[in-house]
Amino acid sequence: MTRHILPLLLTAGIFLAGVALAQTSAANPKVLLKTTKGDITIELYPDKAPVTVKNILDYVNDKFYDGLIFHRVMPGFMIQCGGMTAEMSQKSGNPPIKNEAGNGLKNTRGTLAMARTNVVDSASSQFFINLKDNTFLNHKDNTPEGFGYCVFGKVVTGMDVVDAIAKVPTTSKRGHGDVPVEPITILSATVVNGK
């Protein structure tokens, strides 16, 4: 009888572990960025970056990103958005948030991280998508030079769109470099599941 129960228990354990893993991933909110180049779906990690994810979701729910552009495109590095209009005017956002770069997440290809100035806790609305593993952006220590850039999510579909954006011609515009010649606009940013 023990011979028959053991495989059943093992199977049940594996099934329950799979369900728990699926629920963890399913519980993470996702945001759909509809752009003039195509759709990008992003999974957010509130367990690792709660302040940052709340900040991003607040902006999404307020429709802050709708109509803004990808204003900085650097092939082999990253694409950045979340703060500039097509006229390269900065849209005023909420106060800066705490930098959660020490959360263990790394700046690998397809991850999203908060853009900031040299001030550690200066990120507000702008973020970037890593086009490759940018290990030099990872948290190393708590000094201003080593603090790094907070990863808070990852592209789950639409990396082909991200790569297409990375290939567009760029120019300088109103004192900013690496600006796409033809604006790439975020038509809408919406939560597609989760909170």
N, C-alpha and C. Protein backbone atom coordinates (compact mmCIF):
# COMPACT_ATOMS: atom_id res chain seq x y z
N MET A 1 0.82 -1.20 0.00
CA MET A 1 0.00 0.00 0.00
C MET A 1 0.86 1.26 0.00
N THR A 2 1.97 1.25 0.77
CA THR A 2 2.88 2.39 0.83
C THR A 2 3.45 2.68 -0.56
N ARG A 3 3.68 1.60 -1.32
CA ARG A 3 4.20 1.77 -2.68
C ARG A 3 3.25 2.59 -3.55
N HIS A 4 1.97 2.47 -3.33
CA HIS A 4 0.97 3.17 -4.15
C HIS A 4 0.73 4.60 -3.66
N ILE A 5 0.88 4.83 -2.37
CA ILE A 5 0.62 6.16 -1.80
C ILE A 5 1.78 7.12 -2.10
N LEU A 6 2.98 6.63 -2.02
CA LEU A 6 4.16 7.47 -2.23
C LEU A 6 4.14 8.16 -3.60
N PRO A 7 3.90 7.44 -4.71
CA PRO A 7 3.83 8.14 -6.00
C PRO A 7 2.70 9.16 -6.06
N LEU A 8 1.56 8.84 -5.42
CA LEU A 8 0.45 9.79 -5.40
C LEU A 8 0.82 11.06 -4.64
N LEU A 9 1.48 10.90 -3.50
CA LEU A 9 1.90 12.06 -2.72
C LEU A 9 2.92 12.90 -3.50
N LEU A 10 3.84 12.24 -4.15
CA LEU A 10 4.85 12.93 -4.94
C LEU A 10 4.20 13.71 -6.08
N THR A 11 3.26 13.07 -6.77
CA THR A 11 2.54 13.73 -7.87
C THR A 11 1.75 14.93 -7.35
N ALA A 12 1.06 14.75 -6.24
CA ALA A 12 0.28 15.85 -5.65
C ALA A 12 1.20 17.01 -5.24
N GLY A 13 2.35 16.69 -4.67
CA GLY A 13 3.31 17.73 -4.27
C GLY A 13 3.81 18.52 -5.45
N ILE A 14 4.14 17.82 -6.53
CA ILE A 14 4.62 18.49 -7.74
C ILE A 14 3.51 19.37 -8.33
N PHE A 15 2.28 18.86 -8.35
CA PHE A 15 1.15 19.62 -8.86
C PHE A 15 0.93 20.89 -8.05
N LEU A 16 0.92 20.76 -6.72
CA LEU A 16 0.70 21.92 -5.86
C LEU A 16 1.82 22.95 -5.98
N ALA A 17 3.05 22.49 -6.13
CA ALA A 17 4.18 23.41 -6.31
C ALA A 17 4.01 24.17 -7.63
N GLY A 18 3.56 23.47 -8.67
CA GLY A 18 3.33 24.13 -9.96
C GLY A 18 2.21 25.15 -9.88
N VAL A 19 1.15 24.82 -9.17
CA VAL A 19 0.03 25.75 -9.00
C VAL A 19 0.50 26.99 -8.25
N ALA A 20 1.28 26.80 -7.18
CA ALA A 20 1.78 27.94 -6.39
C ALA A 20 2.67 28.82 -7.25
N LEU A 21 3.52 28.21 -8.06
CA LEU A 21 4.40 28.98 -8.94
C LEU A 21 3.58 29.76 -9.96
N ALA A 22 2.57 29.12 -10.55
CA ALA A 22 1.73 29.80 -11.54
C ALA A 22 0.97 30.95 -10.91
N GLN A 23 0.48 30.75 -9.67
CA GLN A 23 -0.26 31.82 -9.00
C GLN A 23 0.63 33.00 -8.70
N THR A 24 1.89 32.76 -8.33
CA THR A 24 2.81 33.85 -8.04
C THR A 24 3.00 34.71 -9.28
N SER A 25 3.24 34.06 -10.42
CA SER A 25 3.43 34.81 -11.66
C SER A 25 2.14 35.49 -12.10
N ALA A 26 1.01 34.77 -11.97
CA ALA A 26 -0.27 35.33 -12.39
C ALA A 26 -0.67 36.53 -11.53
N ALA A 27 -0.19 36.57 -10.30
CA ALA A 27 -0.55 37.65 -9.39
C ALA A 27 0.19 38.95 -9.73
N ASN A 28 1.29 38.85 -10.44
CA ASN A 28 2.04 40.06 -10.80
C ASN A 28 1.25 40.86 -11.82
N PRO A 29 1.12 42.17 -11.59
CA PRO A 29 0.40 43.00 -12.57
C PRO A 29 1.16 43.09 -13.88
N LYS A 30 0.40 43.24 -14.95
CA LYS A 30 0.99 43.43 -16.28
C LYS A 30 0.45 44.72 -16.86
N VAL A 31 1.29 45.39 -17.61
CA VAL A 31 0.91 46.63 -18.28
C VAL A 31 1.13 46.46 -19.78
N LEU A 32 0.13 46.86 -20.55
CA LEU A 32 0.23 46.84 -22.00
C LEU A 32 0.54 48.25 -22.49
N LEU A 33 1.70 48.39 -23.14
CA LEU A 33 2.05 49.65 -23.80
C LEU A 33 1.70 49.50 -25.28
N LYS A 34 0.69 50.24 -25.72
CA LYS A 34 0.36 50.28 -27.15
C LYS A 34 1.16 51.43 -27.73
N THR A 35 2.04 51.14 -28.69
CA THR A 35 2.88 52.18 -29.28
C THR A 35 2.63 52.25 -30.79
N THR A 36 3.16 53.28 -31.40
CA THR A 36 3.04 53.41 -32.86
C THR A 36 3.89 52.38 -33.59
N LYS A 37 4.72 51.63 -32.87
CA LYS A 37 5.53 50.56 -33.47
C LYS A 37 4.98 49.17 -33.15
N GLY A 38 3.97 49.10 -32.27
CA GLY A 38 3.41 47.81 -31.87
C GLY A 38 3.22 47.74 -30.37
N ASP A 39 2.78 46.58 -29.90
CA ASP A 39 2.45 46.40 -28.49
C ASP A 39 3.59 45.75 -27.70
N ILE A 40 3.75 46.22 -26.47
CA ILE A 40 4.74 45.68 -25.54
C ILE A 40 4.00 45.38 -24.23
N THR A 41 4.08 44.13 -23.77
CA THR A 41 3.48 43.77 -22.49
C THR A 41 4.58 43.58 -21.46
N ILE A 42 4.38 44.21 -20.32
CA ILE A 42 5.39 44.23 -19.26
C ILE A 42 4.81 43.59 -18.00
N GLU A 43 5.57 42.68 -17.40
CA GLU A 43 5.20 42.14 -16.10
C GLU A 43 5.96 42.91 -15.03
N LEU A 44 5.25 43.35 -14.00
CA LEU A 44 5.85 44.12 -12.91
C LEU A 44 6.09 43.22 -11.70
N TYR A 45 7.07 43.58 -10.86
CA TYR A 45 7.46 42.76 -9.72
C TYR A 45 7.26 43.51 -8.40
N PRO A 46 6.01 43.59 -7.92
CA PRO A 46 5.75 44.34 -6.69
C PRO A 46 6.40 43.73 -5.45
N ASP A 47 6.69 42.43 -5.48
CA ASP A 47 7.35 41.81 -4.33
C ASP A 47 8.79 42.27 -4.19
N LYS A 48 9.44 42.62 -5.31
CA LYS A 48 10.84 43.05 -5.29
C LYS A 48 11.00 44.57 -5.27
N ALA A 49 10.04 45.28 -5.87
CA ALA A 49 10.13 46.75 -5.98
C ALA A 49 8.76 47.37 -5.71
N PRO A 50 8.26 47.25 -4.47
CA PRO A 50 6.89 47.71 -4.18
C PRO A 50 6.68 49.21 -4.39
N VAL A 51 7.61 50.03 -4.00
CA VAL A 51 7.47 51.49 -4.15
C VAL A 51 7.46 51.84 -5.63
N THR A 52 8.37 51.25 -6.38
CA THR A 52 8.50 51.55 -7.81
C THR A 52 7.27 51.08 -8.58
N VAL A 53 6.81 49.87 -8.31
CA VAL A 53 5.65 49.33 -9.02
C VAL A 53 4.41 50.16 -8.71
N LYS A 54 4.21 50.54 -7.46
CA LYS A 54 3.07 51.41 -7.11
C LYS A 54 3.16 52.72 -7.89
N ASN A 55 4.35 53.29 -7.96
CA ASN A 55 4.59 54.53 -8.70
C ASN A 55 4.21 54.38 -10.17
N ILE A 56 4.70 53.33 -10.82
CA ILE A 56 4.40 53.08 -12.24
C ILE A 56 2.90 52.88 -12.44
N LEU A 57 2.28 52.08 -11.58
CA LEU A 57 0.84 51.82 -11.72
C LEU A 57 0.02 53.09 -11.51
N ASP A 58 0.46 53.95 -10.59
CA ASP A 58 -0.22 55.23 -10.40
C ASP A 58 -0.18 56.05 -11.69
N TYR A 59 1.00 56.11 -12.32
CA TYR A 59 1.12 56.83 -13.60
C TYR A 59 0.24 56.20 -14.68
N VAL A 60 0.25 54.87 -14.77
CA VAL A 60 -0.56 54.18 -15.78
C VAL A 60 -2.03 54.48 -15.55
N ASN A 61 -2.49 54.34 -14.31
CA ASN A 61 -3.91 54.56 -14.00
C ASN A 61 -4.34 56.01 -14.21
N ASP A 62 -3.39 56.94 -14.09
CA ASP A 62 -3.68 58.36 -14.34
C ASP A 62 -3.55 58.73 -15.82
N LYS A 63 -3.23 57.73 -16.68
CA LYS A 63 -3.06 57.95 -18.13
C LYS A 63 -1.90 58.92 -18.43
N PHE A 64 -0.94 59.01 -17.51
CA PHE A 64 0.18 59.93 -17.64
C PHE A 64 1.02 59.62 -18.90
N TYR A 65 1.25 58.33 -19.17
CA TYR A 65 2.13 57.95 -20.28
C TYR A 65 1.49 58.10 -21.66
N ASP A 66 0.17 58.14 -21.71
CA ASP A 66 -0.53 58.22 -23.00
C ASP A 66 -0.12 59.49 -23.75
N GLY A 67 0.40 59.30 -24.96
CA GLY A 67 0.81 60.44 -25.79
C GLY A 67 2.28 60.81 -25.66
N LEU A 68 2.99 60.23 -24.68
CA LEU A 68 4.43 60.50 -24.56
C LEU A 68 5.19 59.64 -25.55
N ILE A 69 6.49 59.93 -25.70
CA ILE A 69 7.29 59.25 -26.72
C ILE A 69 8.47 58.49 -26.11
N PHE A 70 9.03 57.60 -26.91
CA PHE A 70 10.35 57.04 -26.60
C PHE A 70 11.33 58.11 -27.07
N HIS A 71 11.92 58.82 -26.12
CA HIS A 71 12.72 60.00 -26.46
C HIS A 71 14.22 59.74 -26.50
N ARG A 72 14.64 58.57 -26.10
CA ARG A 72 16.08 58.25 -26.09
C ARG A 72 16.25 56.81 -26.55
N VAL A 73 16.87 56.63 -27.70
CA VAL A 73 17.05 55.31 -28.29
C VAL A 73 18.54 55.11 -28.55
N MET A 74 19.13 54.16 -27.85
CA MET A 74 20.56 53.89 -27.96
C MET A 74 20.78 52.41 -28.28
N PRO A 75 20.94 52.07 -29.57
CA PRO A 75 21.12 50.67 -29.97
C PRO A 75 22.24 50.01 -29.18
N GLY A 76 22.02 48.75 -28.80
CA GLY A 76 23.02 48.02 -28.03
C GLY A 76 23.06 48.41 -26.57
N PHE A 77 22.13 49.27 -26.13
CA PHE A 77 22.10 49.71 -24.74
C PHE A 77 20.68 49.69 -24.20
N MET A 78 19.86 50.70 -24.56
CA MET A 78 18.50 50.76 -24.03
C MET A 78 17.64 51.74 -24.82
N ILE A 79 16.31 51.66 -24.58
CA ILE A 79 15.36 52.65 -25.09
C ILE A 79 14.63 53.24 -23.88
N GLN A 80 14.41 54.55 -23.89
CA GLN A 80 13.87 55.25 -22.72
C GLN A 80 12.61 56.02 -23.07
N CYS A 81 11.68 56.05 -22.12
CA CYS A 81 10.43 56.78 -22.32
C CYS A 81 9.88 57.23 -20.97
N GLY A 82 8.71 57.87 -21.02
CA GLY A 82 7.99 58.14 -19.79
C GLY A 82 8.03 59.56 -19.27
N GLY A 83 8.53 60.51 -20.09
CA GLY A 83 8.57 61.86 -19.57
C GLY A 83 8.52 62.98 -20.59
N MET A 84 8.64 62.64 -21.88
CA MET A 84 8.76 63.68 -22.89
C MET A 84 7.66 63.59 -23.95
N THR A 85 7.22 64.78 -24.39
CA THR A 85 6.26 64.87 -25.49
C THR A 85 7.03 64.83 -26.82
N ALA A 86 6.30 64.76 -27.92
CA ALA A 86 6.93 64.76 -29.25
C ALA A 86 7.70 66.05 -29.51
N GLU A 87 7.32 67.13 -28.82
CA GLU A 87 8.02 68.42 -28.97
C GLU A 87 9.23 68.49 -28.03
N MET A 88 9.54 67.40 -27.34
CA MET A 88 10.65 67.30 -26.38
C MET A 88 10.45 68.24 -25.19
N SER A 89 9.20 68.40 -24.78
CA SER A 89 8.88 69.11 -23.55
C SER A 89 8.70 68.06 -22.46
N GLN A 90 9.29 68.31 -21.30
CA GLN A 90 9.17 67.37 -20.20
C GLN A 90 7.81 67.52 -19.53
N LYS A 91 7.13 66.40 -19.36
CA LYS A 91 5.84 66.40 -18.67
C LYS A 91 6.10 66.29 -17.17
N SER A 92 5.45 67.15 -16.42
CA SER A 92 5.64 67.20 -14.97
C SER A 92 4.98 66.00 -14.31
N GLY A 93 5.74 65.32 -13.47
CA GLY A 93 5.22 64.13 -12.80
C GLY A 93 5.13 64.28 -11.29
N ASN A 94 5.01 63.15 -10.63
CA ASN A 94 4.94 63.10 -9.17
C ASN A 94 6.33 63.28 -8.57
N PRO A 95 6.42 63.48 -7.26
CA PRO A 95 7.74 63.60 -6.62
C PRO A 95 8.58 62.34 -6.82
N PRO A 96 9.91 62.47 -6.77
CA PRO A 96 10.80 61.31 -6.92
C PRO A 96 10.53 60.26 -5.84
N ILE A 97 10.93 59.04 -6.16
CA ILE A 97 10.72 57.91 -5.25
C ILE A 97 12.04 57.33 -4.76
N LYS A 98 11.94 56.46 -3.76
CA LYS A 98 13.12 55.76 -3.22
C LYS A 98 13.65 54.78 -4.27
N ASN A 99 14.95 54.74 -4.41
CA ASN A 99 15.61 53.83 -5.34
C ASN A 99 15.69 52.45 -4.69
N GLU A 100 15.04 51.47 -5.32
CA GLU A 100 15.02 50.09 -4.80
C GLU A 100 15.98 49.18 -5.58
N ALA A 101 17.08 49.73 -6.08
CA ALA A 101 18.01 48.96 -6.90
C ALA A 101 18.65 47.79 -6.15
N GLY A 102 18.65 47.81 -4.83
CA GLY A 102 19.23 46.72 -4.05
C GLY A 102 18.30 45.54 -3.88
N ASN A 103 17.31 45.40 -4.76
CA ASN A 103 16.30 44.35 -4.62
C ASN A 103 16.71 42.98 -5.18
N GLY A 104 17.90 42.88 -5.74
CA GLY A 104 18.38 41.61 -6.27
C GLY A 104 18.10 41.39 -7.76
N LEU A 105 17.24 42.21 -8.35
CA LEU A 105 16.97 42.09 -9.79
C LEU A 105 18.09 42.76 -10.57
N LYS A 106 18.42 42.19 -11.70
CA LYS A 106 19.55 42.67 -12.51
C LYS A 106 19.07 43.32 -13.80
N ASN A 107 19.85 44.24 -14.32
CA ASN A 107 19.59 44.92 -15.59
C ASN A 107 20.01 44.00 -16.74
N THR A 108 19.15 43.03 -17.02
CA THR A 108 19.38 42.09 -18.11
C THR A 108 18.49 42.44 -19.29
N ARG A 109 18.76 41.84 -20.43
CA ARG A 109 17.98 42.11 -21.65
C ARG A 109 16.49 41.94 -21.38
N GLY A 110 15.72 42.95 -21.76
CA GLY A 110 14.27 42.89 -21.63
C GLY A 110 13.72 43.39 -20.31
N THR A 111 14.60 43.69 -19.35
CA THR A 111 14.10 44.21 -18.08
C THR A 111 13.86 45.71 -18.18
N LEU A 112 13.00 46.22 -17.29
CA LEU A 112 12.72 47.65 -17.20
C LEU A 112 13.33 48.18 -15.92
N ALA A 113 13.93 49.36 -16.02
CA ALA A 113 14.52 50.00 -14.84
C ALA A 113 14.17 51.48 -14.86
N MET A 114 14.18 52.07 -13.68
CA MET A 114 13.87 53.49 -13.56
C MET A 114 15.05 54.33 -14.02
N ALA A 115 14.76 55.34 -14.82
CA ALA A 115 15.78 56.33 -15.21
C ALA A 115 15.88 57.33 -14.06
N ARG A 116 17.06 57.89 -13.87
CA ARG A 116 17.26 58.86 -12.80
C ARG A 116 18.45 59.74 -13.12
N THR A 117 18.64 60.76 -12.31
CA THR A 117 19.83 61.61 -12.43
C THR A 117 20.94 60.99 -11.58
N ASN A 118 22.01 61.73 -11.33
CA ASN A 118 23.09 61.25 -10.45
C ASN A 118 22.66 61.14 -9.00
N VAL A 119 21.52 61.74 -8.66
CA VAL A 119 20.99 61.64 -7.30
C VAL A 119 20.30 60.28 -7.18
N VAL A 120 20.68 59.48 -6.18
CA VAL A 120 20.20 58.11 -6.03
C VAL A 120 18.67 58.03 -6.04
N ASP A 121 18.00 58.85 -5.25
CA ASP A 121 16.54 58.79 -5.13
C ASP A 121 15.86 59.87 -5.98
N SER A 122 16.15 59.92 -7.28
CA SER A 122 15.62 60.98 -8.14
C SER A 122 14.65 60.48 -9.22
N ALA A 123 14.39 59.17 -9.29
CA ALA A 123 13.50 58.64 -10.33
C ALA A 123 12.07 59.08 -10.08
N SER A 124 11.37 59.38 -11.18
CA SER A 124 9.95 59.72 -11.03
C SER A 124 9.12 58.93 -12.04
N SER A 125 9.01 59.39 -13.28
CA SER A 125 8.14 58.71 -14.26
C SER A 125 8.90 57.98 -15.36
N GLN A 126 10.13 58.41 -15.64
CA GLN A 126 10.85 57.84 -16.78
C GLN A 126 11.47 56.49 -16.45
N PHE A 127 11.43 55.61 -17.45
CA PHE A 127 12.04 54.28 -17.32
C PHE A 127 12.66 53.89 -18.65
N PHE A 128 13.46 52.83 -18.60
CA PHE A 128 14.08 52.34 -19.83
C PHE A 128 13.97 50.83 -19.89
N ILE A 129 14.08 50.32 -21.12
CA ILE A 129 14.08 48.88 -21.37
C ILE A 129 15.49 48.52 -21.84
N ASN A 130 16.12 47.60 -21.14
CA ASN A 130 17.48 47.16 -21.46
C ASN A 130 17.46 46.32 -22.74
N LEU A 131 18.33 46.68 -23.69
CA LEU A 131 18.45 45.94 -24.95
C LEU A 131 19.45 44.80 -24.84
N LYS A 132 20.27 44.84 -23.80
CA LYS A 132 21.25 43.77 -23.55
C LYS A 132 21.49 43.73 -22.05
N ASP A 133 22.30 42.79 -21.61
CA ASP A 133 22.66 42.72 -20.19
C ASP A 133 23.58 43.89 -19.88
N ASN A 134 23.08 44.84 -19.12
CA ASN A 134 23.85 46.04 -18.74
C ASN A 134 24.27 45.92 -17.28
N THR A 135 25.23 45.05 -17.03
CA THR A 135 25.64 44.75 -15.66
C THR A 135 26.19 45.98 -14.93
N PHE A 136 26.74 46.93 -15.65
CA PHE A 136 27.29 48.12 -15.00
C PHE A 136 26.20 48.99 -14.37
N LEU A 137 24.94 48.72 -14.70
CA LEU A 137 23.82 49.47 -14.10
C LEU A 137 23.28 48.81 -12.83
N ASN A 138 23.80 47.62 -12.50
CA ASN A 138 23.31 46.89 -11.33
C ASN A 138 23.78 47.52 -10.03
N HIS A 139 23.02 47.25 -8.97
CA HIS A 139 23.38 47.71 -7.62
C HIS A 139 24.66 46.99 -7.18
N LYS A 140 25.66 47.77 -6.75
CA LYS A 140 26.92 47.20 -6.25
C LYS A 140 27.09 47.49 -4.76
N ASP A 141 26.76 48.72 -4.37
CA ASP A 141 26.87 49.13 -2.97
C ASP A 141 25.99 50.35 -2.76
N ASN A 142 26.01 50.90 -1.56
CA ASN A 142 25.11 52.02 -1.23
C ASN A 142 25.71 53.40 -1.46
N THR A 143 26.84 53.47 -2.16
CA THR A 143 27.40 54.78 -2.50
C THR A 143 26.64 55.34 -3.70
N PRO A 144 26.67 56.65 -3.90
CA PRO A 144 26.00 57.21 -5.09
C PRO A 144 26.51 56.59 -6.40
N GLU A 145 27.79 56.27 -6.46
CA GLU A 145 28.38 55.69 -7.68
C GLU A 145 28.00 54.24 -7.88
N GLY A 146 27.74 53.52 -6.80
CA GLY A 146 27.49 52.08 -6.89
C GLY A 146 26.06 51.65 -6.69
N PHE A 147 25.16 52.62 -6.46
CA PHE A 147 23.79 52.25 -6.09
C PHE A 147 23.03 51.56 -7.22
N GLY A 148 23.23 52.00 -8.44
CA GLY A 148 22.59 51.34 -9.58
C GLY A 148 21.20 51.85 -9.90
N TYR A 149 20.56 51.15 -10.82
CA TYR A 149 19.25 51.52 -11.36
C TYR A 149 18.25 50.42 -11.06
N CYS A 150 17.13 50.80 -10.48
CA CYS A 150 16.13 49.85 -9.99
C CYS A 150 15.38 49.14 -11.12
N VAL A 151 15.55 47.82 -11.19
CA VAL A 151 14.76 46.99 -12.09
C VAL A 151 13.44 46.68 -11.39
N PHE A 152 12.33 46.82 -12.14
CA PHE A 152 11.01 46.61 -11.54
C PHE A 152 10.09 45.76 -12.39
N GLY A 153 10.55 45.33 -13.57
CA GLY A 153 9.71 44.53 -14.44
C GLY A 153 10.47 43.98 -15.62
N LYS A 154 9.74 43.26 -16.47
CA LYS A 154 10.35 42.64 -17.64
C LYS A 154 9.33 42.57 -18.77
N VAL A 155 9.82 42.73 -19.99
CA VAL A 155 8.98 42.56 -21.18
C VAL A 155 8.64 41.07 -21.30
N VAL A 156 7.34 40.76 -21.36
CA VAL A 156 6.94 39.36 -21.52
C VAL A 156 6.46 39.07 -22.94
N THR A 157 5.95 40.07 -23.64
CA THR A 157 5.69 39.95 -25.08
C THR A 157 5.99 41.31 -25.73
N GLY A 158 6.46 41.25 -26.95
CA GLY A 158 6.75 42.48 -27.68
C GLY A 158 8.21 42.87 -27.69
N MET A 159 9.10 41.94 -27.37
CA MET A 159 10.53 42.28 -27.43
C MET A 159 10.94 42.57 -28.88
N ASP A 160 10.21 42.01 -29.85
CA ASP A 160 10.47 42.33 -31.25
C ASP A 160 10.16 43.80 -31.53
N VAL A 161 9.14 44.34 -30.86
CA VAL A 161 8.81 45.76 -30.99
C VAL A 161 9.92 46.61 -30.37
N VAL A 162 10.39 46.20 -29.20
CA VAL A 162 11.50 46.90 -28.53
C VAL A 162 12.71 46.93 -29.46
N ASP A 163 13.04 45.78 -30.06
CA ASP A 163 14.19 45.72 -30.98
C ASP A 163 13.97 46.58 -32.22
N ALA A 164 12.74 46.66 -32.70
CA ALA A 164 12.43 47.50 -33.86
C ALA A 164 12.63 48.98 -33.49
N ILE A 165 12.20 49.37 -32.30
CA ILE A 165 12.40 50.75 -31.84
C ILE A 165 13.89 51.06 -31.77
N ALA A 166 14.66 50.09 -31.31
CA ALA A 166 16.11 50.29 -31.16
C ALA A 166 16.82 50.55 -32.49
N LYS A 167 16.17 50.19 -33.60
CA LYS A 167 16.80 50.32 -34.92
C LYS A 167 16.42 51.60 -35.66
N VAL A 168 15.56 52.43 -35.10
CA VAL A 168 15.12 53.62 -35.84
C VAL A 168 16.24 54.67 -35.89
N PRO A 169 16.26 55.48 -36.95
CA PRO A 169 17.25 56.56 -37.02
C PRO A 169 16.98 57.60 -35.92
N THR A 170 18.06 58.17 -35.39
CA THR A 170 17.93 59.17 -34.33
C THR A 170 18.64 60.46 -34.71
N THR A 171 18.34 61.51 -33.96
CA THR A 171 18.92 62.82 -34.21
C THR A 171 19.01 63.57 -32.88
N SER A 172 19.42 64.81 -32.94
CA SER A 172 19.37 65.70 -31.77
C SER A 172 18.18 66.62 -31.94
N LYS A 173 17.50 66.89 -30.82
CA LYS A 173 16.32 67.75 -30.88
C LYS A 173 16.19 68.50 -29.56
N ARG A 174 16.16 69.82 -29.63
CA ARG A 174 15.98 70.69 -28.47
C ARG A 174 16.93 70.34 -27.32
N GLY A 175 18.19 70.12 -27.67
CA GLY A 175 19.21 69.86 -26.67
C GLY A 175 19.31 68.42 -26.20
N HIS A 176 18.55 67.53 -26.80
CA HIS A 176 18.57 66.11 -26.42
C HIS A 176 19.12 65.30 -27.59
N GLY A 177 20.00 64.34 -27.28
CA GLY A 177 20.53 63.45 -28.29
C GLY A 177 19.77 62.14 -28.31
N ASP A 178 20.01 61.34 -29.34
CA ASP A 178 19.45 59.99 -29.48
C ASP A 178 17.93 59.98 -29.56
N VAL A 179 17.35 61.04 -30.12
CA VAL A 179 15.89 61.17 -30.25
C VAL A 179 15.48 60.59 -31.61
N PRO A 180 14.50 59.68 -31.64
CA PRO A 180 14.05 59.16 -32.93
C PRO A 180 13.62 60.29 -33.87
N VAL A 181 14.02 60.18 -35.15
CA VAL A 181 13.68 61.17 -36.16
C VAL A 181 12.15 61.25 -36.28
N GLU A 182 11.50 60.10 -36.39
CA GLU A 182 10.03 60.02 -36.40
C GLU A 182 9.60 59.63 -34.99
N PRO A 183 8.76 60.41 -34.34
CA PRO A 183 8.35 60.09 -32.97
C PRO A 183 7.71 58.71 -32.85
N ILE A 184 8.12 57.98 -31.81
CA ILE A 184 7.51 56.70 -31.47
C ILE A 184 6.69 56.96 -30.21
N THR A 185 5.38 56.96 -30.38
CA THR A 185 4.46 57.41 -29.34
C THR A 185 3.85 56.25 -28.57
N ILE A 186 3.70 56.45 -27.28
CA ILE A 186 2.90 55.52 -26.46
C ILE A 186 1.45 55.97 -26.63
N LEU A 187 0.68 55.19 -27.35
CA LEU A 187 -0.73 55.53 -27.60
C LEU A 187 -1.54 55.36 -26.31
N SER A 188 -1.24 54.28 -25.58
CA SER A 188 -1.89 54.06 -24.29
C SER A 188 -1.07 53.09 -23.46
N ALA A 189 -1.19 53.23 -22.15
CA ALA A 189 -0.59 52.30 -21.18
C ALA A 189 -1.72 51.88 -20.26
N THR A 190 -2.01 50.59 -20.22
CA THR A 190 -3.12 50.09 -19.41
C THR A 190 -2.73 48.85 -18.64
N VAL A 191 -3.32 48.68 -17.46
CA VAL A 191 -3.13 47.46 -16.69
C VAL A 191 -4.00 46.40 -17.34
N VAL A 192 -3.39 45.25 -17.65
CA VAL A 192 -4.15 44.20 -18.33
C VAL A 192 -4.50 43.03 -17.40
N ASN A 193 -3.87 42.97 -16.23
CA ASN A 193 -4.32 42.04 -15.19
C ASN A 193 -3.66 42.44 -13.89
N GLY A 194 -4.12 41.90 -12.79
CA GLY A 194 -3.57 42.27 -11.49
C GLY A 194 -4.16 43.60 -11.05
N LYS A 195 -3.53 44.16 -10.02
CA LYS A 195 -4.06 45.41 -9.45
C LYS A 195 -3.56 46.61 -10.20
